[in-house]
Amino acid sequence: MGRGTNLAEGNATTSLRNRPASVRHQDLLNYALPHHPNTPEGRATYQAQVKTWHTANPSRKPDEQHPYPLTPGTPAVGSRECWDCGQKGHMQVAVVCAGAVLPEPERDWRRIAGFIARAFHTERLNASNTVNFIGVQSYTPYPTYHQQQYQGAYVEDIEDEQGNGRGLSE
């Protein structure tokens, strides 16, 4: 069964993948679960959160509307973290994370959230960096009167006549 299927009900649901990145990113923010610190209380709350998630989603993979709880002490999703160990500073299958592996649903959730965040930021960057192309025209240099040589004149005696000389334009 694919991701667009809810096994508990047996009916195909609409796919979340085909929605615009901005809508998916908004769901990512709206449905976010609390992220707990790496303390005894935080780990206990995390364990309860994981149990609640598996009870509510027995046959579902995580998605932006059903985020998986994050291991305490790991960075937030979409922060360019390693999807295998949850730490920053390296990519997947790095030597530094060979022993630390996150639970499979959390790894899936980090991949999905990372993809959504990257697509959203790329879309936003492309929208803000629009480029207007203009045609190329041949260059016509100024007339030769600007290239006259003034002999025996001081700088104060030569009028450059910059600006329109009549104040504000109408």
Protein backbone atom coordinates (compact mmCIF):
# COMPACT_ATOMS: atom_id res chain seq x y z
CA MET A 1 0.00 0.00 0.00
CA GLY A 2 1.27 3.50 -0.79
CA ARG A 3 1.48 6.58 1.35
CA GLY A 4 -1.90 7.80 0.12
CA THR A 5 -3.67 4.86 1.77
CA ASN A 6 -5.00 4.61 5.29
CA LEU A 7 -4.88 0.91 6.18
CA ALA A 8 -7.05 1.26 9.28
CA GLU A 9 -10.06 2.41 7.24
CA GLY A 10 -9.16 0.75 3.94
CA ASN A 11 -10.10 3.87 1.95
CA ALA A 12 -7.62 5.79 -0.13
CA THR A 13 -7.07 9.29 1.22
CA THR A 14 -5.82 12.26 -0.75
CA SER A 15 -2.06 12.33 -1.16
CA LEU A 16 -0.22 14.96 0.83
CA ARG A 17 2.71 14.87 -1.60
CA ASN A 18 0.98 16.70 -4.45
CA ARG A 19 0.28 19.86 -2.47
CA PRO A 20 2.36 23.05 -2.85
CA ALA A 21 5.48 23.30 -0.69
CA SER A 22 4.09 26.35 1.13
CA VAL A 23 0.98 24.42 2.24
CA ARG A 24 3.05 21.42 3.31
CA HIS A 25 5.42 23.69 5.24
CA GLN A 26 2.49 25.35 7.00
CA ASP A 27 1.26 21.90 8.09
CA LEU A 28 4.79 21.14 9.25
CA LEU A 29 4.54 24.14 11.59
CA ASN A 30 0.90 23.67 12.62
CA TYR A 31 1.16 19.98 13.55
CA ALA A 32 4.60 20.13 15.21
CA LEU A 33 4.94 18.16 18.43
CA PRO A 34 6.74 19.53 21.50
CA HIS A 35 10.45 18.71 21.45
CA HIS A 36 11.76 17.75 24.88
CA PRO A 37 15.20 18.36 26.44
CA ASN A 38 17.59 15.49 27.09
CA THR A 39 16.76 15.19 30.79
CA PRO A 40 15.16 12.31 32.73
CA GLU A 41 11.81 14.14 32.62
CA GLY A 42 12.19 14.92 28.92
CA ARG A 43 13.04 11.30 28.08
CA ALA A 44 10.03 10.04 30.09
CA THR A 45 7.72 12.50 28.32
CA TYR A 46 9.23 11.46 24.98
CA GLN A 47 8.53 7.77 25.71
CA ALA A 48 4.90 8.60 26.52
CA GLN A 49 4.69 10.69 23.33
CA VAL A 50 6.04 7.78 21.23
CA LYS A 51 3.56 5.35 22.79
CA THR A 52 0.67 7.77 22.12
CA TRP A 53 1.82 8.27 18.50
CA HIS A 54 1.97 4.52 17.79
CA THR A 55 -1.44 4.03 19.40
CA ALA A 56 -3.01 6.80 17.29
CA ASN A 57 -1.17 5.77 14.08
CA PRO A 58 -0.84 1.96 14.16
CA SER A 59 -0.33 1.46 10.42
CA ARG A 60 0.77 4.88 9.24
CA LYS A 61 4.10 6.39 8.36
CA PRO A 62 4.86 9.90 9.60
CA ASP A 63 3.95 12.87 7.43
CA GLU A 64 3.48 16.60 7.88
CA GLN A 65 0.06 16.08 9.47
CA HIS A 66 1.24 13.17 11.65
CA PRO A 67 4.75 14.11 12.82
CA TYR A 68 6.77 11.61 14.79
CA PRO A 69 8.17 12.65 18.20
CA LEU A 70 11.83 13.72 18.15
CA THR A 71 14.46 12.14 20.34
CA PRO A 72 15.29 14.46 23.25
CA GLY A 73 18.44 16.52 22.73
CA THR A 74 18.44 16.28 18.94
CA PRO A 75 18.06 19.30 16.64
CA ALA A 76 14.71 20.28 15.14
CA VAL A 77 13.64 18.75 11.85
CA GLY A 78 14.60 20.62 8.70
CA SER A 79 17.80 22.00 10.25
CA ARG A 80 20.14 20.11 7.89
CA GLU A 81 20.68 17.40 10.46
CA CYS A 82 21.79 13.83 9.76
CA TRP A 83 18.71 11.68 9.22
CA ASP A 84 20.40 8.62 10.74
CA CYS A 85 21.54 10.00 14.12
CA GLY A 86 19.76 13.37 14.26
CA GLN A 87 22.90 15.43 14.85
CA LYS A 88 24.25 18.35 12.80
CA GLY A 89 27.60 18.63 11.07
CA HIS A 90 27.57 15.60 8.79
CA MET A 91 25.38 13.76 6.31
CA GLN A 92 23.99 10.23 6.33
CA VAL A 93 26.21 7.17 6.66
CA ALA A 94 29.00 9.19 8.26
CA VAL A 95 31.57 7.45 10.47
CA VAL A 96 30.67 9.65 13.46
CA CYS A 97 27.11 8.30 13.64
CA ALA A 98 27.87 4.61 13.03
CA GLY A 99 26.58 3.55 16.48
CA ALA A 100 23.77 6.08 17.03
CA VAL A 101 20.72 5.33 14.94
CA LEU A 102 17.29 6.88 15.44
CA PRO A 103 14.11 4.80 15.37
CA GLU A 104 12.93 4.14 11.80
CA PRO A 105 9.77 6.30 12.03
CA GLU A 106 11.85 9.24 13.27
CA ARG A 107 14.36 8.80 10.44
CA ASP A 108 11.46 8.76 7.96
CA TRP A 109 9.98 11.85 9.61
CA ARG A 110 13.30 13.73 9.45
CA ARG A 111 13.67 12.88 5.74
CA ILE A 112 10.14 14.06 4.95
CA ALA A 113 10.42 17.25 7.02
CA GLY A 114 13.86 18.00 5.55
CA PHE A 115 12.48 17.63 2.02
CA ILE A 116 9.51 19.90 2.78
CA ALA A 117 11.69 22.57 4.42
CA ARG A 118 14.19 22.51 1.53
CA ALA A 119 11.41 22.72 -1.10
CA PHE A 120 9.70 25.56 0.76
CA HIS A 121 12.89 27.60 1.15
CA THR A 122 13.85 27.00 -2.49
CA GLU A 123 10.39 28.09 -3.64
CA ARG A 124 10.56 31.20 -1.46
CA LEU A 125 14.08 32.05 -2.65
CA ASN A 126 13.09 31.65 -6.30
CA ALA A 127 10.04 33.87 -5.80
CA SER A 128 12.09 36.63 -4.20
CA ASN A 129 14.94 36.58 -6.74
CA THR A 130 13.06 37.23 -9.94
CA VAL A 131 15.25 38.50 -12.77
CA ASN A 132 14.01 40.83 -15.46
CA PHE A 133 15.93 40.48 -18.70
CA ILE A 134 16.32 43.50 -20.93
CA GLY A 135 17.35 43.72 -24.55
CA VAL A 136 20.85 44.70 -25.55
CA GLN A 137 21.24 47.98 -27.42
CA SER A 138 24.32 49.21 -29.16
CA TYR A 139 26.26 51.81 -27.19
CA THR A 140 26.29 55.33 -28.55
CA PRO A 141 29.05 57.41 -26.97
CA TYR A 142 28.46 60.99 -25.95
CA PRO A 143 29.05 63.66 -28.57
CA THR A 144 32.55 64.96 -28.97
CA TYR A 145 31.92 68.27 -27.15
CA HIS A 146 32.61 66.47 -23.84
CA GLN A 147 35.99 65.51 -25.13
CA GLN A 148 37.18 69.06 -25.84
CA GLN A 149 40.35 70.12 -24.19
CA TYR A 150 40.17 73.27 -22.14
CA GLN A 151 43.42 75.16 -22.19
CA GLY A 152 44.23 77.71 -19.57
CA ALA A 153 40.98 77.28 -17.65
CA TYR A 154 40.56 76.47 -14.01
CA VAL A 155 38.13 73.86 -12.76
CA GLU A 156 35.88 76.61 -11.36
CA ASP A 157 35.59 78.21 -14.80
CA ILE A 158 34.23 75.10 -16.49
CA GLU A 159 30.54 74.48 -16.02
CA ASP A 160 29.71 70.79 -15.96
CA GLU A 161 25.96 71.43 -15.98
CA GLN A 162 25.09 68.27 -14.14
CA GLY A 163 21.45 67.70 -13.24
CA ASN A 164 18.50 69.45 -14.85
CA GLY A 165 19.34 72.87 -13.33
CA ARG A 166 15.69 73.77 -12.90
CA GLY A 167 14.93 72.18 -9.54
CA LEU A 168 12.50 69.32 -9.15
CA SER A 169 11.11 67.71 -12.22
CA GLU A 170 7.48 68.29 -13.01
